[in-house]
Amino acid sequence: MTTQNTKTVSKLVSRFDNELKKLILQDLKAINRTKNQVLDKITNSVAVNRLSVA
């Protein structure tokens, strides 16, 4: 009976771990997407400022 409970807990922990990894990867993708958008806006802003100065 103890072995069966250990397997059940192990499965639950494994499932939780997999779900947590999936959520973290989704967050990282969202962070990278936002970072790229911010960098694009900065790059465009710098390009516009250079044109207006020239």
N, C-alpha and C. Protein backbone atom coordinates (compact mmCIF):
# COMPACT_ATOMS: atom_id res chain seq x y z
N MET A 1 0.82 -1.19 0.00
CA MET A 1 0.00 0.00 0.00
C MET A 1 0.87 1.26 0.00
N THR A 2 1.95 1.26 0.72
CA THR A 2 2.84 2.41 0.74
C THR A 2 3.45 2.65 -0.64
N THR A 3 3.81 1.60 -1.33
CA THR A 3 4.39 1.73 -2.67
C THR A 3 3.39 2.36 -3.62
N GLN A 4 2.14 1.96 -3.53
CA GLN A 4 1.11 2.51 -4.39
C GLN A 4 0.92 4.01 -4.13
N ASN A 5 0.93 4.41 -2.88
CA ASN A 5 0.80 5.83 -2.55
C ASN A 5 2.00 6.62 -3.06
N THR A 6 3.18 6.05 -2.96
CA THR A 6 4.38 6.72 -3.45
C THR A 6 4.30 6.93 -4.95
N LYS A 7 3.81 5.93 -5.66
CA LYS A 7 3.67 6.07 -7.11
C LYS A 7 2.65 7.16 -7.46
N THR A 8 1.56 7.19 -6.71
CA THR A 8 0.53 8.20 -6.96
C THR A 8 1.09 9.60 -6.71
N VAL A 9 1.79 9.77 -5.62
CA VAL A 9 2.39 11.08 -5.31
C VAL A 9 3.42 11.43 -6.37
N SER A 10 4.20 10.46 -6.78
CA SER A 10 5.22 10.71 -7.80
C SER A 10 4.57 11.15 -9.12
N LYS A 11 3.47 10.52 -9.49
CA LYS A 11 2.76 10.92 -10.71
C LYS A 11 2.22 12.34 -10.59
N LEU A 12 1.67 12.66 -9.42
CA LEU A 12 1.14 14.01 -9.21
C LEU A 12 2.24 15.05 -9.29
N VAL A 13 3.36 14.76 -8.67
CA VAL A 13 4.49 15.70 -8.69
C VAL A 13 5.01 15.86 -10.11
N SER A 14 5.10 14.76 -10.83
CA SER A 14 5.57 14.82 -12.21
C SER A 14 4.61 15.64 -13.07
N ARG A 15 3.32 15.43 -12.90
CA ARG A 15 2.33 16.18 -13.67
C ARG A 15 2.41 17.67 -13.32
N PHE A 16 2.52 17.98 -12.04
CA PHE A 16 2.65 19.37 -11.61
C PHE A 16 3.90 20.00 -12.20
N ASP A 17 5.00 19.25 -12.18
CA ASP A 17 6.27 19.74 -12.72
C ASP A 17 6.13 20.05 -14.21
N ASN A 18 5.49 19.15 -14.94
CA ASN A 18 5.30 19.36 -16.38
C ASN A 18 4.42 20.57 -16.66
N GLU A 19 3.36 20.73 -15.89
CA GLU A 19 2.48 21.89 -16.07
C GLU A 19 3.21 23.19 -15.74
N LEU A 20 4.01 23.16 -14.68
CA LEU A 20 4.77 24.34 -14.29
C LEU A 20 5.78 24.71 -15.37
N LYS A 21 6.46 23.72 -15.92
CA LYS A 21 7.41 23.98 -17.01
C LYS A 21 6.71 24.60 -18.21
N LYS A 22 5.52 24.08 -18.53
CA LYS A 22 4.76 24.60 -19.67
C LYS A 22 4.39 26.06 -19.44
N LEU A 23 3.94 26.38 -18.23
CA LEU A 23 3.57 27.77 -17.92
C LEU A 23 4.78 28.70 -17.96
N ILE A 24 5.90 28.23 -17.44
CA ILE A 24 7.12 29.04 -17.44
C ILE A 24 7.58 29.31 -18.87
N LEU A 25 7.51 28.29 -19.74
CA LEU A 25 7.90 28.48 -21.13
C LEU A 25 6.97 29.47 -21.84
N GLN A 26 5.68 29.41 -21.54
CA GLN A 26 4.74 30.38 -22.12
C GLN A 26 5.08 31.79 -21.65
N ASP A 27 5.41 31.93 -20.38
CA ASP A 27 5.79 33.25 -19.85
C ASP A 27 7.06 33.76 -20.51
N LEU A 28 8.04 32.87 -20.68
CA LEU A 28 9.29 33.28 -21.32
C LEU A 28 9.07 33.71 -22.76
N LYS A 29 8.20 33.00 -23.47
CA LYS A 29 7.89 33.39 -24.85
C LYS A 29 7.23 34.76 -24.88
N ALA A 30 6.32 35.01 -23.96
CA ALA A 30 5.65 36.31 -23.89
C ALA A 30 6.64 37.41 -23.55
N ILE A 31 7.56 37.13 -22.63
CA ILE A 31 8.58 38.11 -22.25
C ILE A 31 9.47 38.43 -23.44
N ASN A 32 9.90 37.40 -24.16
CA ASN A 32 10.76 37.63 -25.33
C ASN A 32 10.03 38.41 -26.41
N ARG A 33 8.76 38.11 -26.61
CA ARG A 33 7.97 38.83 -27.60
C ARG A 33 7.87 40.31 -27.23
N THR A 34 7.60 40.58 -25.96
CA THR A 34 7.50 41.96 -25.48
C THR A 34 8.85 42.67 -25.59
N LYS A 35 9.91 41.96 -25.23
CA LYS A 35 11.26 42.54 -25.32
C LYS A 35 11.57 42.93 -26.76
N ASN A 36 11.23 42.05 -27.70
CA ASN A 36 11.49 42.34 -29.11
C ASN A 36 10.67 43.53 -29.59
N GLN A 37 9.43 43.65 -29.12
CA GLN A 37 8.61 44.79 -29.49
C GLN A 37 9.19 46.09 -28.96
N VAL A 38 9.67 46.07 -27.73
CA VAL A 38 10.27 47.27 -27.13
C VAL A 38 11.54 47.65 -27.89
N LEU A 39 12.36 46.66 -28.20
CA LEU A 39 13.59 46.94 -28.95
C LEU A 39 13.28 47.51 -30.33
N ASP A 40 12.25 46.98 -30.99
CA ASP A 40 11.85 47.52 -32.29
C ASP A 40 11.39 48.97 -32.17
N LYS A 41 10.63 49.27 -31.14
CA LYS A 41 10.16 50.65 -30.94
C LYS A 41 11.33 51.59 -30.69
N ILE A 42 12.30 51.13 -29.89
CA ILE A 42 13.48 51.95 -29.62
C ILE A 42 14.27 52.17 -30.90
N THR A 43 14.46 51.10 -31.67
CA THR A 43 15.20 51.20 -32.92
C THR A 43 14.51 52.16 -33.88
N ASN A 44 13.20 52.05 -33.99
CA ASN A 44 12.45 52.95 -34.87
C ASN A 44 12.53 54.39 -34.38
N SER A 45 12.47 54.59 -33.10
CA SER A 45 12.55 55.93 -32.53
C SER A 45 13.91 56.56 -32.81
N VAL A 46 14.96 55.77 -32.64
CA VAL A 46 16.31 56.28 -32.91
C VAL A 46 16.45 56.61 -34.39
N ALA A 47 15.92 55.76 -35.25
CA ALA A 47 16.01 56.00 -36.69
C ALA A 47 15.26 57.28 -37.07
N VAL A 48 14.09 57.50 -36.51
CA VAL A 48 13.31 58.71 -36.79
C VAL A 48 14.05 59.94 -36.27
N ASN A 49 14.63 59.85 -35.08
CA ASN A 49 15.37 60.98 -34.52
C ASN A 49 16.59 61.32 -35.37
N ARG A 50 17.26 60.31 -35.90
CA ARG A 50 18.42 60.58 -36.76
C ARG A 50 17.99 61.28 -38.04
N LEU A 51 16.85 60.87 -38.59
CA LEU A 51 16.37 61.51 -39.81
C LEU A 51 15.96 62.95 -39.55
N SER A 52 15.35 63.22 -38.41
CA SER A 52 14.90 64.58 -38.13
C SER A 52 16.07 65.50 -37.81
N VAL A 53 17.16 64.94 -37.27
CA VAL A 53 18.34 65.75 -36.97
C VAL A 53 19.11 66.06 -38.24
N ALA A 54 19.14 65.10 -39.16
CA ALA A 54 19.89 65.28 -40.41
C ALA A 54 19.15 66.20 -41.31
